[in-house]
Amino acid sequence: MYGNVDLMAGTVTKLIEQALGLSERDRAELAHRLLQSLEESKEEGVEDAWETEIAKRVEEVRNGTAIGRPAEDVFREIRARYQ
């Protein structure tokens, strides 16, 4: 078992060394993809939940039960909150 841990640690060290040898653009792309993969694994099921929520809201708009607000009001509140 410990041999596998040592092998993984060596592999990770080699990957880090190789990654640091990449151009800045390639390092940024690698970092982005690695972070994205963490978010995807952490948020399993979130996409399905959003699809369900979006479908529900679209249906509310179509059947007239949605309560909307003028965009100007929403933007004014956001500007006031973050100024």
Protein backbone atom coordinates (compact mmCIF):
# COMPACT_ATOMS: atom_id res chain seq x y z
CA MET A 1 0.00 0.00 0.00
CA TYR A 2 2.69 2.50 0.95
CA GLY A 3 4.48 1.82 -2.32
CA ASN A 4 1.46 3.14 -4.20
CA VAL A 5 1.44 6.29 -2.09
CA ASP A 6 5.12 6.88 -2.83
CA LEU A 7 4.50 6.24 -6.53
CA MET A 8 1.62 8.72 -6.56
CA ALA A 9 3.66 11.34 -4.71
CA GLY A 10 6.48 10.92 -7.25
CA THR A 11 4.02 11.15 -10.13
CA VAL A 12 2.45 14.30 -8.72
CA THR A 13 5.88 15.85 -8.21
CA LYS A 14 6.82 15.08 -11.82
CA LEU A 15 3.52 16.52 -13.08
CA ILE A 16 4.07 19.70 -11.09
CA GLU A 17 7.58 20.07 -12.46
CA GLN A 18 6.31 19.56 -16.01
CA ALA A 19 3.43 21.99 -15.48
CA LEU A 20 5.79 24.67 -14.20
CA GLY A 21 7.77 24.31 -17.41
CA LEU A 22 4.74 25.26 -19.52
CA SER A 23 4.13 28.69 -20.95
CA GLU A 24 2.06 31.09 -18.86
CA ARG A 25 -0.91 30.62 -21.18
CA ASP A 26 -0.70 26.82 -20.98
CA ARG A 27 -0.34 26.92 -17.18
CA ALA A 28 -3.44 29.11 -16.97
CA GLU A 29 -5.38 26.69 -19.17
CA LEU A 30 -4.21 23.74 -17.08
CA ALA A 31 -5.14 25.50 -13.84
CA HIS A 32 -8.56 26.41 -15.24
CA ARG A 33 -9.29 22.84 -16.31
CA LEU A 34 -8.13 21.38 -13.01
CA LEU A 35 -10.28 23.81 -11.02
CA GLN A 36 -13.21 23.17 -13.33
CA SER A 37 -12.87 19.42 -12.76
CA LEU A 38 -13.02 19.98 -8.99
CA GLU A 39 -16.16 22.07 -9.30
CA GLU A 40 -17.81 19.49 -11.56
CA SER A 41 -17.15 16.64 -9.17
CA LYS A 42 -18.22 18.73 -6.17
CA GLU A 43 -21.48 19.80 -7.75
CA GLU A 44 -22.90 16.55 -9.06
CA GLY A 45 -26.61 16.95 -9.61
CA VAL A 46 -26.49 20.75 -9.63
CA GLU A 47 -26.94 20.91 -13.40
CA ASP A 48 -30.07 18.75 -13.19
CA ALA A 49 -31.43 20.91 -10.40
CA TRP A 50 -30.88 24.06 -12.47
CA GLU A 51 -32.57 22.47 -15.50
CA THR A 52 -35.58 21.66 -13.33
CA GLU A 53 -35.68 25.18 -11.88
CA ILE A 54 -35.37 26.80 -15.31
CA ALA A 55 -38.18 24.64 -16.71
CA LYS A 56 -40.38 25.60 -13.74
CA ARG A 57 -39.71 29.32 -14.24
CA VAL A 58 -40.32 29.13 -18.00
CA GLU A 59 -43.64 27.43 -17.31
CA GLU A 60 -44.58 30.17 -14.81
CA VAL A 61 -43.85 32.83 -17.43
CA ARG A 62 -45.86 30.96 -20.07
CA ASN A 63 -48.90 30.41 -17.86
CA GLY A 64 -48.84 33.95 -16.47
CA THR A 65 -48.14 33.12 -12.83
CA ALA A 66 -44.61 34.58 -12.78
CA ILE A 67 -44.23 37.92 -11.05
CA GLY A 68 -41.72 40.08 -12.85
CA ARG A 69 -40.03 43.35 -12.00
CA PRO A 70 -38.80 46.05 -14.32
CA ALA A 71 -35.11 45.58 -15.14
CA GLU A 72 -34.43 49.23 -14.27
CA ASP A 73 -35.55 48.58 -10.68
CA VAL A 74 -33.39 45.49 -10.36
CA PHE A 75 -30.31 47.24 -11.78
CA ARG A 76 -30.87 50.27 -9.51
CA GLU A 77 -30.95 47.99 -6.45
CA ILE A 78 -27.79 46.19 -7.56
CA ARG A 79 -25.92 49.46 -8.17
CA ALA A 80 -27.00 50.79 -4.78
CA ARG A 81 -25.88 47.61 -3.04
CA TYR A 82 -22.41 47.54 -4.60
CA GLN A 83 -21.48 51.22 -4.70
